[in-house]
Amino acid sequence: MDTYEAQDTLEARVARDADKLECLIQALEYRHQGYSRVQDWIDNCRASLKTTSAQQIADAAERLSGLEWQYSRD
């Protein structure tokens, strides 16, 4: 847990990004279902992403509706 909190290894940063992506995707799903007060949640999750791959996944998740991003080859 100390390594995760310290974020001093690539593995820790990837694990943290995975947690933030899960939260981001949950917020996007809520927005898709009609909840309107999730944009701050989305923005905070996006801002905390550190790795390029996590940022690319977030881009795809925001660009596509619902869970279509899972099936995109972009």
N, C-alpha and C. Protein backbone atom coordinates (compact mmCIF):
# COMPACT_ATOMS: atom_id res chain seq x y z
N MET A 1 0.82 -1.19 0.00
CA MET A 1 0.00 0.00 0.00
C MET A 1 0.87 1.26 0.00
N ASP A 2 2.02 1.23 0.64
CA ASP A 2 2.89 2.40 0.66
C ASP A 2 3.35 2.77 -0.74
N THR A 3 3.69 1.77 -1.56
CA THR A 3 4.12 2.03 -2.93
C THR A 3 2.98 2.64 -3.74
N TYR A 4 1.79 2.13 -3.54
CA TYR A 4 0.62 2.67 -4.24
C TYR A 4 0.43 4.13 -3.89
N GLU A 5 0.47 4.45 -2.62
CA GLU A 5 0.27 5.83 -2.17
C GLU A 5 1.40 6.75 -2.61
N ALA A 6 2.62 6.25 -2.60
CA ALA A 6 3.77 7.07 -2.97
C ALA A 6 3.83 7.33 -4.47
N GLN A 7 3.25 6.43 -5.26
CA GLN A 7 3.23 6.58 -6.72
C GLN A 7 4.64 6.69 -7.30
N ASP A 8 5.60 5.98 -6.71
CA ASP A 8 6.98 6.10 -7.15
C ASP A 8 7.42 4.99 -8.11
N THR A 9 6.48 4.13 -8.51
CA THR A 9 6.79 3.11 -9.52
C THR A 9 5.76 3.19 -10.64
N LEU A 10 6.14 2.70 -11.79
CA LEU A 10 5.21 2.65 -12.92
C LEU A 10 3.99 1.80 -12.56
N GLU A 11 4.22 0.69 -11.89
CA GLU A 11 3.12 -0.18 -11.51
C GLU A 11 2.11 0.53 -10.62
N ALA A 12 2.60 1.33 -9.69
CA ALA A 12 1.72 2.08 -8.79
C ALA A 12 0.92 3.12 -9.57
N ARG A 13 1.57 3.79 -10.53
CA ARG A 13 0.86 4.79 -11.33
C ARG A 13 -0.20 4.13 -12.21
N VAL A 14 0.11 2.99 -12.77
CA VAL A 14 -0.86 2.27 -13.60
C VAL A 14 -2.04 1.80 -12.75
N ALA A 15 -1.75 1.28 -11.57
CA ALA A 15 -2.83 0.83 -10.67
C ALA A 15 -3.72 2.00 -10.28
N ARG A 16 -3.13 3.13 -9.97
CA ARG A 16 -3.92 4.32 -9.60
C ARG A 16 -4.76 4.80 -10.79
N ASP A 17 -4.16 4.80 -11.99
CA ASP A 17 -4.91 5.18 -13.18
C ASP A 17 -6.07 4.23 -13.43
N ALA A 18 -5.86 2.95 -13.19
CA ALA A 18 -6.95 1.98 -13.37
C ALA A 18 -8.10 2.30 -12.41
N ASP A 19 -7.79 2.65 -11.18
CA ASP A 19 -8.83 3.03 -10.22
C ASP A 19 -9.57 4.28 -10.69
N LYS A 20 -8.83 5.27 -11.17
CA LYS A 20 -9.44 6.52 -11.63
C LYS A 20 -10.27 6.28 -12.89
N LEU A 21 -9.81 5.41 -13.78
CA LEU A 21 -10.58 5.08 -14.98
C LEU A 21 -11.89 4.40 -14.62
N GLU A 22 -11.85 3.53 -13.63
CA GLU A 22 -13.08 2.88 -13.19
C GLU A 22 -14.09 3.93 -12.71
N CYS A 23 -13.63 4.89 -11.94
CA CYS A 23 -14.51 5.97 -11.46
C CYS A 23 -15.02 6.82 -12.61
N LEU A 24 -14.13 7.13 -13.55
CA LEU A 24 -14.52 7.94 -14.71
C LEU A 24 -15.59 7.23 -15.53
N ILE A 25 -15.40 5.97 -15.79
CA ILE A 25 -16.35 5.21 -16.59
C ILE A 25 -17.68 5.09 -15.87
N GLN A 26 -17.64 4.92 -14.56
CA GLN A 26 -18.89 4.89 -13.79
C GLN A 26 -19.62 6.22 -13.93
N ALA A 27 -18.91 7.32 -13.83
CA ALA A 27 -19.53 8.64 -13.98
C ALA A 27 -20.10 8.82 -15.39
N LEU A 28 -19.39 8.35 -16.40
CA LEU A 28 -19.89 8.44 -17.78
C LEU A 28 -21.16 7.61 -17.95
N GLU A 29 -21.19 6.45 -17.31
CA GLU A 29 -22.40 5.61 -17.37
C GLU A 29 -23.58 6.33 -16.71
N TYR A 30 -23.33 6.97 -15.58
CA TYR A 30 -24.39 7.73 -14.90
C TYR A 30 -24.88 8.87 -15.80
N ARG A 31 -23.95 9.58 -16.44
CA ARG A 31 -24.34 10.66 -17.34
C ARG A 31 -25.18 10.13 -18.49
N HIS A 32 -24.79 8.99 -19.03
CA HIS A 32 -25.54 8.36 -20.13
C HIS A 32 -26.95 7.98 -19.69
N GLN A 33 -27.11 7.65 -18.40
CA GLN A 33 -28.42 7.28 -17.86
C GLN A 33 -29.27 8.50 -17.51
N GLY A 34 -28.70 9.69 -17.65
CA GLY A 34 -29.48 10.90 -17.44
C GLY A 34 -29.14 11.73 -16.22
N TYR A 35 -28.18 11.28 -15.44
CA TYR A 35 -27.76 12.07 -14.28
C TYR A 35 -26.92 13.24 -14.79
N SER A 36 -27.27 14.45 -14.38
CA SER A 36 -26.61 15.62 -14.95
C SER A 36 -25.50 16.20 -14.07
N ARG A 37 -25.39 15.78 -12.86
CA ARG A 37 -24.43 16.39 -11.94
C ARG A 37 -23.18 15.53 -11.76
N VAL A 38 -22.60 15.07 -12.84
CA VAL A 38 -21.41 14.22 -12.74
C VAL A 38 -20.20 14.82 -13.44
N GLN A 39 -20.34 16.00 -14.05
CA GLN A 39 -19.23 16.54 -14.83
C GLN A 39 -18.01 16.85 -13.97
N ASP A 40 -18.20 17.36 -12.75
CA ASP A 40 -17.05 17.59 -11.86
C ASP A 40 -16.32 16.29 -11.56
N TRP A 41 -17.09 15.23 -11.34
CA TRP A 41 -16.54 13.91 -11.08
C TRP A 41 -15.69 13.46 -12.28
N ILE A 42 -16.24 13.63 -13.47
CA ILE A 42 -15.53 13.26 -14.70
C ILE A 42 -14.25 14.08 -14.84
N ASP A 43 -14.36 15.39 -14.66
CA ASP A 43 -13.20 16.28 -14.80
C ASP A 43 -12.10 15.95 -13.80
N ASN A 44 -12.48 15.66 -12.55
CA ASN A 44 -11.49 15.32 -11.53
C ASN A 44 -10.77 14.02 -11.85
N CYS A 45 -11.52 13.05 -12.31
CA CYS A 45 -10.91 11.77 -12.69
C CYS A 45 -9.95 11.97 -13.85
N ARG A 46 -10.39 12.71 -14.86
CA ARG A 46 -9.53 12.97 -16.03
C ARG A 46 -8.23 13.66 -15.63
N ALA A 47 -8.34 14.66 -14.78
CA ALA A 47 -7.17 15.44 -14.37
C ALA A 47 -6.15 14.61 -13.60
N SER A 48 -6.60 13.54 -12.97
CA SER A 48 -5.69 12.74 -12.14
C SER A 48 -4.97 11.64 -12.93
N LEU A 49 -5.34 11.41 -14.17
CA LEU A 49 -4.70 10.35 -14.97
C LEU A 49 -3.27 10.74 -15.33
N LYS A 50 -2.35 9.83 -15.14
CA LYS A 50 -0.93 10.11 -15.37
C LYS A 50 -0.35 9.45 -16.62
N THR A 51 -0.85 8.26 -16.96
CA THR A 51 -0.26 7.53 -18.08
C THR A 51 -0.96 7.86 -19.39
N THR A 52 -0.20 7.81 -20.47
CA THR A 52 -0.76 8.08 -21.79
C THR A 52 -1.85 7.08 -22.14
N SER A 53 -1.64 5.83 -21.80
CA SER A 53 -2.65 4.82 -22.15
C SER A 53 -3.96 5.07 -21.40
N ALA A 54 -3.91 5.48 -20.16
CA ALA A 54 -5.13 5.79 -19.41
C ALA A 54 -5.83 7.00 -20.02
N GLN A 55 -5.08 7.99 -20.44
CA GLN A 55 -5.66 9.17 -21.07
C GLN A 55 -6.33 8.80 -22.40
N GLN A 56 -5.73 7.89 -23.15
CA GLN A 56 -6.33 7.45 -24.41
C GLN A 56 -7.62 6.67 -24.16
N ILE A 57 -7.63 5.84 -23.15
CA ILE A 57 -8.85 5.10 -22.81
C ILE A 57 -9.95 6.08 -22.39
N ALA A 58 -9.59 7.07 -21.59
CA ALA A 58 -10.56 8.08 -21.17
C ALA A 58 -11.10 8.85 -22.37
N ASP A 59 -10.23 9.19 -23.32
CA ASP A 59 -10.67 9.88 -24.54
C ASP A 59 -11.71 9.05 -25.27
N ALA A 60 -11.42 7.77 -25.44
CA ALA A 60 -12.35 6.88 -26.15
C ALA A 60 -13.66 6.74 -25.38
N ALA A 61 -13.57 6.62 -24.07
CA ALA A 61 -14.78 6.46 -23.25
C ALA A 61 -15.66 7.69 -23.34
N GLU A 62 -15.07 8.87 -23.39
CA GLU A 62 -15.86 10.11 -23.48
C GLU A 62 -16.41 10.35 -24.88
N ARG A 63 -15.67 9.92 -25.87
CA ARG A 63 -16.06 10.16 -27.27
C ARG A 63 -17.23 9.28 -27.71
N LEU A 64 -17.31 8.08 -27.18
CA LEU A 64 -18.33 7.12 -27.61
C LEU A 64 -19.46 7.07 -26.59
N SER A 65 -20.64 6.75 -27.05
CA SER A 65 -21.79 6.70 -26.14
C SER A 65 -21.84 5.37 -25.40
N GLY A 66 -22.39 5.44 -24.21
CA GLY A 66 -22.55 4.23 -23.42
C GLY A 66 -21.24 3.51 -23.20
N LEU A 67 -21.25 2.22 -23.43
CA LEU A 67 -20.04 1.41 -23.27
C LEU A 67 -19.42 1.00 -24.61
N GLU A 68 -19.78 1.71 -25.68
CA GLU A 68 -19.24 1.39 -27.00
C GLU A 68 -17.72 1.47 -27.07
N TRP A 69 -17.12 2.29 -26.21
CA TRP A 69 -15.67 2.48 -26.22
C TRP A 69 -14.93 1.15 -26.06
N GLN A 70 -15.55 0.19 -25.39
CA GLN A 70 -14.90 -1.11 -25.17
C GLN A 70 -14.64 -1.84 -26.48
N TYR A 71 -15.44 -1.55 -27.48
CA TYR A 71 -15.37 -2.29 -28.73
C TYR A 71 -14.68 -1.51 -29.84
N SER A 72 -14.20 -0.32 -29.53
CA SER A 72 -13.55 0.54 -30.52
C SER A 72 -12.11 0.08 -30.76
N ARG A 73 -11.66 0.20 -31.96
CA ARG A 73 -10.28 -0.15 -32.30
C ARG A 73 -9.44 1.09 -32.55
N ASP A 74 -9.93 2.27 -32.16
CA ASP A 74 -9.19 3.52 -32.37
C ASP A 74 -7.93 3.57 -31.54
